[in-house]
Protein backbone atom coordinates (compact mmCIF):
# COMPACT_ATOMS: atom_id res chain seq x y z
CA UNK A 1 64.89 195.66 -11.30
CA UNK A 2 68.76 195.85 -12.69
CA UNK A 3 70.69 192.65 -12.62
CA UNK A 4 74.75 192.96 -12.22
CA UNK A 5 77.18 190.67 -14.52
CA UNK A 6 77.68 187.39 -12.77
CA UNK A 7 80.81 187.68 -10.87
CA UNK A 8 83.39 184.63 -9.46
CA UNK A 9 83.19 183.39 -5.64
CA UNK A 10 84.04 180.51 -3.73
CA UNK A 11 82.43 178.72 -0.64
CA UNK A 12 79.19 181.11 -0.72
CA UNK A 13 81.83 183.81 0.93
CA UNK A 14 80.59 187.07 -0.31
CA UNK A 15 79.54 190.39 1.85
CA UNK A 16 78.28 193.84 1.97
CA UNK A 17 79.98 196.35 4.15
CA UNK A 18 78.16 197.40 6.79
CA UNK A 19 77.83 201.28 4.64
CA UNK A 20 77.12 198.74 1.46
CA UNK A 21 79.12 200.99 -0.57
CA UNK A 22 81.55 197.70 -1.11
CA UNK A 23 81.44 194.16 -1.96
CA UNK A 24 83.88 191.56 -0.12
CA UNK A 25 84.34 187.99 -1.95
CA UNK A 26 86.86 184.89 -1.40
CA UNK A 27 88.12 183.43 -4.62
CA UNK A 28 90.04 180.38 -4.27
CA UNK A 29 93.29 182.21 -1.86
CA UNK A 30 92.29 185.70 -2.56
CA UNK A 31 89.98 188.01 -1.30
CA UNK A 32 88.69 190.77 -3.57
CA UNK A 33 86.59 193.87 -2.83
CA UNK A 34 84.69 195.45 -5.59
CA UNK A 35 82.88 199.13 -5.38
CA UNK A 36 78.99 198.09 -5.26
CA UNK A 37 78.05 201.33 -7.52
CA UNK A 38 80.70 200.59 -10.16
CA UNK A 39 81.87 196.87 -9.43
CA UNK A 40 85.31 197.55 -10.21
CA UNK A 41 87.95 196.04 -8.01
CA UNK A 42 89.07 198.58 -5.23
CA UNK A 43 91.63 196.27 -3.30
CA UNK A 44 92.95 192.97 -3.64
CA UNK A 45 94.66 190.44 -1.33
CA UNK A 46 96.48 186.79 -1.69
CA UNK A 47 96.16 185.12 1.79
CA UNK A 48 99.47 183.49 3.36
CA UNK A 49 99.70 180.18 2.03
CA UNK A 50 101.95 178.85 5.05
CA UNK A 51 99.43 177.17 7.95
CA UNK A 52 100.13 178.01 11.69
CA UNK A 53 103.05 176.15 13.08
CA UNK A 54 100.86 173.82 15.21
CA UNK A 55 98.63 172.89 12.36
CA UNK A 56 101.61 171.99 10.30
CA UNK A 57 103.19 169.49 13.09
CA UNK A 58 99.73 168.31 13.79
CA UNK A 59 98.87 167.59 10.49
CA UNK A 60 103.01 165.61 10.15
CA UNK A 61 102.02 164.07 13.34
CA UNK A 62 98.62 162.46 12.12
CA UNK A 63 99.42 161.54 8.29
CA UNK A 64 100.92 158.13 7.93
CA UNK A 65 103.98 157.65 6.02
CA UNK A 66 102.97 156.54 2.44
CA UNK A 67 100.64 159.71 2.82
CA UNK A 68 103.08 162.39 4.32
CA UNK A 69 103.90 164.37 1.33
CA UNK A 70 100.37 164.82 -0.05
CA UNK A 71 99.17 165.74 3.66
CA UNK A 72 101.48 168.53 3.77
CA UNK A 73 100.65 170.15 0.88
CA UNK A 74 97.03 170.07 1.38
CA UNK A 75 97.36 172.18 4.56
CA UNK A 76 99.25 174.61 3.05
CA UNK A 77 97.03 175.25 0.22
CA UNK A 78 94.47 178.14 1.58
CA UNK A 79 90.93 177.28 2.17
CA UNK A 80 89.08 180.07 2.96
CA UNK A 81 86.50 179.29 5.64
CA UNK A 82 84.81 182.70 6.48
CA UNK A 83 85.03 186.19 5.61
CA UNK A 84 83.94 189.56 7.67
CA UNK A 85 84.32 193.42 7.73
CA UNK A 86 84.80 195.32 10.72
CA UNK A 87 81.88 197.64 12.05
CA UNK A 88 83.52 200.78 10.18
CA UNK A 89 84.06 199.16 7.35
CA UNK A 90 87.69 199.97 7.90
CA UNK A 91 89.40 196.25 7.62
CA UNK A 92 88.78 193.00 6.42
CA UNK A 93 89.61 189.25 7.32
CA UNK A 94 89.58 185.96 6.00
CA UNK A 95 89.38 182.70 8.51
CA UNK A 96 90.65 179.41 7.43
CA UNK A 97 89.82 176.81 9.27
CA UNK A 98 91.89 174.29 8.05
CA UNK A 99 95.01 175.90 8.44
CA UNK A 100 94.40 177.54 11.98
CA UNK A 101 94.64 181.30 10.23
CA UNK A 102 93.06 184.35 10.50
CA UNK A 103 94.15 187.25 8.23
CA UNK A 104 93.20 190.60 8.62
CA UNK A 105 93.80 193.61 5.67
CA UNK A 106 92.93 197.04 5.92
CA UNK A 107 91.00 199.20 3.31
CA UNK A 108 92.74 202.38 3.66
CA UNK A 109 96.41 200.60 3.66
CA UNK A 110 96.93 197.96 1.02
CA UNK A 111 100.34 197.14 2.33
CA UNK A 112 98.97 196.55 6.44
CA UNK A 113 98.36 193.12 7.37
CA UNK A 114 97.99 191.23 10.84
CA UNK A 115 97.81 187.49 11.21
CA UNK A 116 96.52 185.25 14.07
CA UNK A 117 98.02 181.68 14.35
CA UNK A 118 95.90 179.48 16.31
CA UNK A 119 97.64 176.73 18.48
CA UNK A 120 97.23 173.10 18.89
CA UNK A 121 93.36 174.14 19.85
CA UNK A 122 92.63 174.29 16.10
CA UNK A 123 90.15 177.05 14.66
CA UNK A 124 86.53 176.46 13.67
CA UNK A 125 85.63 180.58 13.17
CA UNK A 126 86.30 183.65 13.49
CA UNK A 127 84.02 186.76 13.87
CA UNK A 128 84.44 190.72 14.90
CA UNK A 129 83.69 192.27 17.90
CA UNK A 130 81.41 195.48 17.57
CA UNK A 131 84.16 197.54 17.93
CA UNK A 132 86.07 196.57 14.90
CA UNK A 133 89.32 196.41 16.78
CA UNK A 134 89.17 192.95 18.02
CA UNK A 135 88.58 189.58 16.49
CA UNK A 136 86.54 186.56 18.43
CA UNK A 137 88.33 182.68 17.58
CA UNK A 138 86.17 180.17 18.69
CA UNK A 139 88.67 176.98 19.06
CA UNK A 140 88.07 173.16 17.98
CA UNK A 141 86.48 170.94 20.81
CA UNK A 142 84.97 173.95 22.65
CA UNK A 143 88.08 174.35 24.40
CA UNK A 144 88.45 178.56 24.43
CA UNK A 145 87.51 181.54 22.93
CA UNK A 146 90.70 183.81 22.17
CA UNK A 147 90.19 187.33 21.81
CA UNK A 148 93.35 189.28 19.80
CA UNK A 149 93.07 192.84 19.53
CA UNK A 150 94.54 194.62 16.42
CA UNK A 151 95.61 197.70 18.44
CA UNK A 152 97.69 195.95 21.08
CA UNK A 153 98.28 192.38 19.44
CA UNK A 154 97.49 191.54 22.91
CA UNK A 155 95.14 188.30 23.67
CA UNK A 156 92.34 187.56 26.10
CA UNK A 157 91.43 183.47 26.57
CA UNK A 158 87.64 182.37 27.44
CA UNK A 159 87.94 179.08 28.93
CA UNK A 160 84.87 176.42 27.42
CA UNK A 161 82.51 177.99 25.40
CA UNK A 162 79.39 175.82 25.08
CA UNK A 163 78.81 176.08 21.33
CA UNK A 164 81.51 177.80 18.73
CA UNK A 165 78.33 178.74 15.83
CA UNK A 166 75.70 179.47 18.33
CA UNK A 167 75.33 180.45 22.38
CA UNK A 168 76.94 183.45 22.38
CA UNK A 169 75.79 187.13 21.39
CA UNK A 170 76.96 191.07 21.87
CA UNK A 171 74.44 193.49 23.11
CA UNK A 172 73.09 196.03 20.81
CA UNK A 173 75.40 199.05 21.75
CA UNK A 174 78.43 196.54 22.08
CA UNK A 175 79.44 196.83 25.73
CA UNK A 176 78.81 193.35 26.55
CA UNK A 177 79.51 190.18 25.11
CA UNK A 178 77.35 187.17 26.86
CA UNK A 179 78.96 183.69 26.11
CA UNK A 180 77.24 180.21 27.06
CA UNK A 181 79.76 177.93 29.01
CA UNK A 182 80.67 174.50 30.48
CA UNK A 183 82.44 174.36 33.74
CA UNK A 184 82.58 170.89 36.03
CA UNK A 185 79.89 169.81 33.65
CA UNK A 186 77.35 172.93 34.53
CA UNK A 187 75.79 174.78 31.78
CA UNK A 188 77.12 178.27 32.82
CA UNK A 189 77.00 182.16 31.24
CA UNK A 190 80.04 184.41 31.28
CA UNK A 191 79.32 188.01 30.90
CA UNK A 192 82.19 190.15 29.70
CA UNK A 193 83.06 193.72 29.33
CA UNK A 194 84.10 193.96 25.60
CA UNK A 195 84.78 197.92 26.86
CA UNK A 196 87.59 196.91 29.62
CA UNK A 197 89.71 194.37 27.84
CA UNK A 198 86.74 191.84 28.12
CA UNK A 199 86.66 191.81 31.64
CA UNK A 200 84.55 189.05 33.54
CA UNK A 201 81.64 190.92 34.70
CA UNK A 202 79.46 188.70 35.46
CA UNK A 203 79.63 184.58 35.90
CA UNK A 204 76.50 182.41 37.01
CA UNK A 205 74.77 178.43 36.49
CA UNK A 206 72.34 178.03 34.73
CA UNK A 207 68.97 176.02 35.74
CA UNK A 208 69.44 173.84 32.49
CA UNK A 209 70.75 170.26 32.31
CA UNK A 210 72.02 170.82 28.29
CA UNK A 211 71.98 174.06 26.94
CA UNK A 212 71.00 173.78 22.96
CA UNK A 213 71.86 178.36 23.18
CA UNK A 214 70.53 181.22 23.92
CA UNK A 215 69.06 184.65 22.70
CA UNK A 216 69.50 188.07 24.03
CA UNK A 217 66.72 190.63 23.96
CA UNK A 218 67.32 193.76 21.76
CA UNK A 219 67.01 195.85 24.87
CA UNK A 220 69.89 194.05 26.53
CA UNK A 221 68.05 193.57 29.19
CA UNK A 222 67.08 189.38 29.36
CA UNK A 223 68.37 186.42 28.15
CA UNK A 224 66.10 183.69 27.27
CA UNK A 225 68.05 179.84 27.07
CA UNK A 226 66.58 176.77 26.39
CA UNK A 227 67.00 173.01 27.30
CA UNK A 228 68.33 170.63 23.69
CA UNK A 229 66.36 168.64 21.41
CA UNK A 230 64.88 165.97 24.08
CA UNK A 231 63.36 168.65 26.79
CA UNK A 232 60.77 171.33 25.76
CA UNK A 233 61.63 174.11 28.45
CA UNK A 234 62.96 177.25 28.15
CA UNK A 235 64.12 180.32 30.88
CA UNK A 236 64.16 184.21 30.88
CA UNK A 237 67.08 185.27 33.44
CA UNK A 238 68.19 189.07 33.65
CA UNK A 239 71.89 190.19 32.37
CA UNK A 240 73.06 189.65 36.39
CA UNK A 241 71.55 185.86 36.67
CA UNK A 242 68.21 186.03 37.90
CA UNK A 243 66.12 183.64 37.08
CA UNK A 244 62.75 185.57 36.07
CA UNK A 245 60.16 183.28 34.20
CA UNK A 246 60.43 179.87 32.61
CA UNK A 247 57.95 178.29 29.95
CA UNK A 248 56.90 174.63 29.44
CA UNK A 249 53.53 174.11 27.27
CA UNK A 250 51.36 171.18 28.78
CA UNK A 251 51.31 168.81 27.54
CA UNK A 252 54.69 168.72 26.91
CA UNK A 253 56.05 167.88 23.25
CA UNK A 254 57.86 164.69 22.08
CA UNK A 255 61.11 167.04 21.72
CA UNK A 256 62.52 170.07 22.48
CA UNK A 257 62.63 174.06 21.39
CA UNK A 258 63.71 174.21 17.73
CA UNK A 259 64.02 178.49 17.42
CA UNK A 260 63.01 181.40 19.31
CA UNK A 261 62.45 184.43 18.26
CA UNK A 262 62.90 188.34 20.01
CA UNK A 263 60.02 190.77 19.47
CA UNK A 264 62.06 193.85 18.10
CA UNK A 265 60.52 195.81 21.16
CA UNK A 266 61.68 193.37 23.63
CA UNK A 267 58.46 192.79 24.98
CA UNK A 268 57.38 189.26 23.20
CA UNK A 269 59.29 186.26 22.37
CA UNK A 270 58.15 183.73 20.01
CA UNK A 271 59.01 179.64 20.61
CA UNK A 272 58.68 176.80 18.59
CA UNK A 273 59.90 173.26 18.44
CA UNK A 274 59.34 170.37 15.88
CA UNK A 275 55.36 170.12 16.96
CA UNK A 276 54.46 172.38 14.04
CA UNK A 277 53.55 175.32 16.98
CA UNK A 278 54.23 179.01 17.79
CA UNK A 279 54.13 180.40 21.35
CA UNK A 280 54.08 183.68 21.89
CA UNK A 281 55.10 184.94 25.69
CA UNK A 282 54.74 188.15 26.95
CA UNK A 283 57.57 189.78 28.86
CA UNK A 284 55.57 191.13 32.14
CA UNK A 285 54.40 187.75 32.94
CA UNK A 286 56.37 185.63 30.75
CA UNK A 287 53.44 183.27 30.39
CA UNK A 288 51.68 182.39 26.69
CA UNK A 289 49.40 184.84 25.33
CA UNK A 290 49.16 183.11 21.90
CA UNK A 291 49.57 180.13 20.33
CA UNK A 292 49.83 179.86 16.08
CA UNK A 293 49.34 176.52 14.63
CA UNK A 294 50.19 175.02 10.74
CA UNK A 295 46.58 173.97 10.26
CA UNK A 296 46.20 171.47 7.31
CA UNK A 297 43.54 174.06 5.34
CA UNK A 298 44.49 177.75 4.96
CA UNK A 299 41.45 179.95 5.78
CA UNK A 300 39.49 182.18 3.87
CA UNK A 301 40.21 185.09 5.37
CA UNK A 302 44.10 184.69 4.71
CA UNK A 303 45.80 185.99 1.52
CA UNK A 304 47.30 183.02 -0.72
CA UNK A 305 50.35 183.83 -2.98
CA UNK A 306 51.00 180.98 -5.51
CA UNK A 307 53.73 181.13 -7.91
CA UNK A 308 52.41 180.53 -11.76
CA UNK A 309 53.52 177.06 -12.95
CA UNK A 310 56.07 177.20 -15.93
CA UNK A 311 56.76 180.57 -15.71
CA UNK A 312 60.35 180.65 -15.70
CA UNK A 313 59.50 178.85 -19.61
CA UNK A 314 56.74 181.59 -20.76
CA UNK A 315 58.96 184.78 -19.75
CA UNK A 316 62.55 182.86 -20.81
CA UNK A 317 63.58 183.72 -17.24
CA UNK A 318 63.36 187.88 -18.05
CA UNK A 319 61.04 190.53 -16.47
CA UNK A 320 58.91 189.58 -13.53
CA UNK A 321 55.62 188.02 -13.59
CA UNK A 322 52.93 188.34 -10.32
CA UNK A 323 52.30 185.51 -7.99
CA UNK A 324 48.43 183.79 -8.66
CA UNK A 325 45.90 184.72 -6.53
CA UNK A 326 44.06 181.88 -4.87
CA UNK A 327 41.05 182.24 -2.67
CA UNK A 328 40.49 180.42 0.32
CA UNK A 329 40.00 178.32 1.71
CA UNK A 330 43.39 176.46 0.30
CA UNK A 331 44.28 172.50 1.60
CA UNK A 332 47.93 172.76 2.33
CA UNK A 333 50.07 169.66 1.52
CA UNK A 334 52.18 168.49 3.88
CA UNK A 335 54.51 165.63 4.26
CA UNK A 336 53.99 163.05 6.68
CA UNK A 337 56.71 163.48 9.18
CA UNK A 338 57.94 159.67 11.34
CA UNK A 339 58.44 161.09 15.09
CA UNK A 340 60.36 157.38 15.26
CA UNK A 341 63.67 158.91 13.34
CA UNK A 342 65.54 161.35 15.42
CA UNK A 343 65.79 165.16 13.69
CA UNK A 344 62.32 164.69 11.80
CA UNK A 345 61.58 166.82 8.98
CA UNK A 346 59.03 168.63 11.20
CA UNK A 347 58.79 171.78 13.09
CA UNK A 348 59.88 175.42 12.16
CA UNK A 349 63.29 175.58 10.36
CA UNK A 350 63.00 179.77 10.48
CA UNK A 351 61.37 182.07 12.54
CA UNK A 352 61.96 186.22 11.89
CA UNK A 353 60.24 189.30 13.00
CA UNK A 354 60.60 192.00 10.49
CA UNK A 355 62.21 195.52 11.40
CA UNK A 356 59.00 196.78 13.05
CA UNK A 357 58.14 193.67 14.78
CA UNK A 358 54.73 194.31 12.73
CA UNK A 359 55.09 190.58 10.76
CA UNK A 360 56.67 187.44 11.43
CA UNK A 361 57.96 185.23 9.34
CA UNK A 362 57.82 181.23 9.91
CA UNK A 363 59.02 178.09 7.47
CA UNK A 364 58.10 174.75 8.71
CA UNK A 365 60.43 171.88 7.37
CA UNK A 366 57.21 169.88 6.58
CA UNK A 367 55.99 172.13 4.16
CA UNK A 368 58.90 173.27 2.67
CA UNK A 369 57.56 175.03 -0.50
CA UNK A 370 55.30 177.62 1.46
CA UNK A 371 56.16 180.43 3.86
CA UNK A 372 53.93 181.87 6.49
CA UNK A 373 53.30 185.53 7.63
CA UNK A 374 51.86 186.28 10.75
CA UNK A 375 50.34 189.29 11.45
CA UNK A 376 50.94 191.15 14.91
CA UNK A 377 48.94 194.57 16.01
CA UNK A 378 51.18 196.99 16.49
CA UNK A 379 51.39 199.45 19.63
CA UNK A 380 48.18 200.28 21.48
CA UNK A 381 45.99 197.67 19.34
CA UNK A 382 44.19 194.91 20.98
CA UNK A 383 46.70 191.97 20.88
CA UNK A 384 45.53 189.04 18.74
CA UNK A 385 48.30 187.81 16.16
CA UNK A 386 46.85 186.01 12.60
CA UNK A 387 47.76 184.56 10.07
CA UNK A 388 47.87 187.00 7.16
CA UNK A 389 49.50 185.35 4.22
CA UNK A 390 50.95 182.08 2.80
CA UNK A 391 53.21 182.37 0.07
CA UNK A 392 52.99 178.81 -2.17
CA UNK A 393 55.75 177.91 -4.42
CA UNK A 394 56.83 174.92 -7.47
CA UNK A 395 60.07 173.91 -4.97
CA UNK A 396 61.37 174.11 -1.78
CA UNK A 397 62.29 177.80 -0.19
CA UNK A 398 66.16 177.98 0.63
CA UNK A 399 66.01 181.33 1.84
CA UNK A 400 64.15 183.86 3.26
CA UNK A 401 65.48 187.19 4.30
CA UNK A 402 63.19 190.55 5.58
CA UNK A 403 64.37 193.86 4.13
CA UNK A 404 66.84 195.41 7.10
CA UNK A 405 65.59 198.92 6.58
CA UNK A 406 62.20 198.44 4.87
CA UNK A 407 59.45 197.14 7.33
CA UNK A 408 56.94 195.27 4.71
CA UNK A 409 60.11 194.08 2.08
CA UNK A 410 60.83 190.24 2.15
CA UNK A 411 63.10 188.16 -0.89
CA UNK A 412 62.80 184.41 -0.92
CA UNK A 413 65.21 182.14 -3.06
CA UNK A 414 64.41 178.56 -4.50
CA UNK A 415 67.51 177.55 -5.90
CA UNK A 416 65.93 178.26 -9.72
CA UNK A 417 66.73 180.83 -11.85
CA UNK A 418 64.23 183.27 -10.07
CA UNK A 419 63.99 185.13 -6.98
CA UNK A 420 60.55 185.97 -5.22
CA UNK A 421 59.64 189.37 -3.49
CA UNK A 422 56.59 190.02 -1.41
CA UNK A 423 55.49 193.18 -0.55
CA UNK A 424 53.21 195.32 1.20
CA UNK A 425 53.99 198.60 -0.14
CA UNK A 426 52.41 198.67 -3.55
CA UNK A 427 50.04 200.99 -3.77
CA UNK A 428 46.89 200.15 -5.49
CA UNK A 429 44.41 201.90 -7.73
CA UNK A 430 42.42 203.62 -4.77
CA UNK A 431 45.89 205.47 -3.35
CA UNK A 432 46.15 202.67 -0.22
CA UNK A 433 49.20 200.78 0.42
CA UNK A 434 48.36 196.88 -0.82
CA UNK A 435 50.79 193.28 -0.38
CA UNK A 436 51.54 191.95 -3.87
CA UNK A 437 54.28 189.01 -4.36
CA UNK A 438 56.23 188.86 -7.85
CA UNK A 439 58.39 186.00 -9.43
CA UNK A 440 61.43 188.09 -11.12
CA UNK A 441 63.66 186.29 -13.27
CA UNK A 442 67.50 186.63 -13.21
CA UNK A 443 68.65 187.02 -17.19
CA UNK A 444 71.14 184.36 -16.99
CA UNK A 445 71.72 181.23 -18.90
CA UNK A 446 73.32 179.25 -15.81
CA UNK A 447 72.68 181.23 -12.72
CA UNK A 448 70.68 178.74 -9.84
CA UNK A 449 69.68 181.75 -6.77
CA UNK A 450 70.53 179.27 -3.87
CA UNK A 451 70.77 182.37 -1.35
CA UNK A 452 69.74 185.62 -1.70
CA UNK A 453 70.93 188.36 0.88
CA UNK A 454 69.35 192.67 1.12
CA UNK A 455 72.47 194.97 1.35
CA UNK A 456 72.66 197.10 4.39
CA UNK A 457 70.71 200.03 2.84
CA UNK A 458 68.08 197.42 1.72
CA UNK A 459 68.28 198.87 -1.68
CA UNK A 460 70.10 196.07 -3.39
CA UNK A 461 70.18 192.26 -3.05
CA UNK A 462 73.26 189.33 -3.15
CA UNK A 463 72.07 186.60 -5.42
CA UNK A 464 74.29 183.58 -4.45
CA UNK A 465 75.00 180.62 -6.70
CA UNK A 466 77.98 177.45 -6.07
CA UNK A 467 80.43 179.43 -7.48
CA UNK A 468 79.28 182.96 -8.40
CA UNK A 469 77.32 185.58 -7.52
CA UNK A 470 75.41 188.86 -8.90
CA UNK A 471 73.64 191.46 -7.21
CA UNK A 472 70.07 193.08 -8.15
CA UNK A 473 69.29 196.90 -7.23
CA UNK A 474 65.74 198.11 -7.44
CA UNK A 475 65.17 200.31 -10.12
CA UNK A 476 64.75 203.99 -8.87
CA UNK A 477 62.03 206.27 -10.76
């Protein structure tokens, strides 16, 4: 594993381009684009410092006379809150939520720029549409979504989105935009044709009383919606609004649904809440076919990998070291949970299938240092998902991500001077593939890997610290 030098960034805003040829970073009020092969700066833009007229007027009106000058000065300082690439890597964007601004720049023309100024509704987040020529701006207070076209400069307004950070999705082909909305105190879904200026194609009510979020199936044929944290109930609908099925476990848990994940084939749906159980639903009848549960002991037939104690000190943070292979059964120390308090520290904080759907990653909040990997049968095999491997660490796992290209490759970060890799592609002495887990030290004196992100081609990794980042690339033999 080769590591690059350490570079500056702000707010963890670092992103590979979709083709993995460039890396976009935000540094204070500047956007910097580096080549991914040489890390030389290819482009650099400064975000304009003037806020939108509405944001400035609101800031002045809400300021006290004695603090007026300082408040106006603070809003004129651009703070980039979000960055993004268009799907073809032609454009980059920087959103400044506090200033109510979104700026777009063009890679082929350094002088070209576009500026989106939000009105009195404010700005919470902005993201690219899959066509790479529209920017979606989500306003404060759930007022509306504004879709801006870089081609025509025209805007399309969609009223009353339910959530700015979740509850919306594009179909995989980018044709339809599905948005959870709330009209007249009722949950609804709007389906918009992204190829026809986001014209409304379908609009229908939902059976939920207070919808938490939605998840669109990989095939784009079904959408799963579920209630808020106080009721464990999930509904499956077609894209035209027909209710195809629902799920509610018996007995019903105290709290509701926390995470939902579609199988890449769209044939199965994994549902989990705060009760440390994962329910697997199948597509034909939308009934439960399996339940995976967090136990107090890891069975003997499960591969258990444990991070070696004090390995960073022994290796001085350089090189790599295999996890210790532990023989099961092995106790699993879970934190005590107080269900009488809001937001109990239990349940799944992450539920994610790998690229082919043969493995399901689960992280439970009351065992923060452990990662559970469940094996799913391949098509044609008997359906009996089981716990395959457990990775145990010295500190809490902060992030874990599957390789987007290779099916059996996982990267993790725990906030220390190391990253962690698990793979089922290791070639053993007999020539057969087997799994392997490794601790990889980061050769830097002061660097804590708080996040780890794969490059789109699966060949490199971004390692994110609080105000710096570096990259790691596998050595090709």
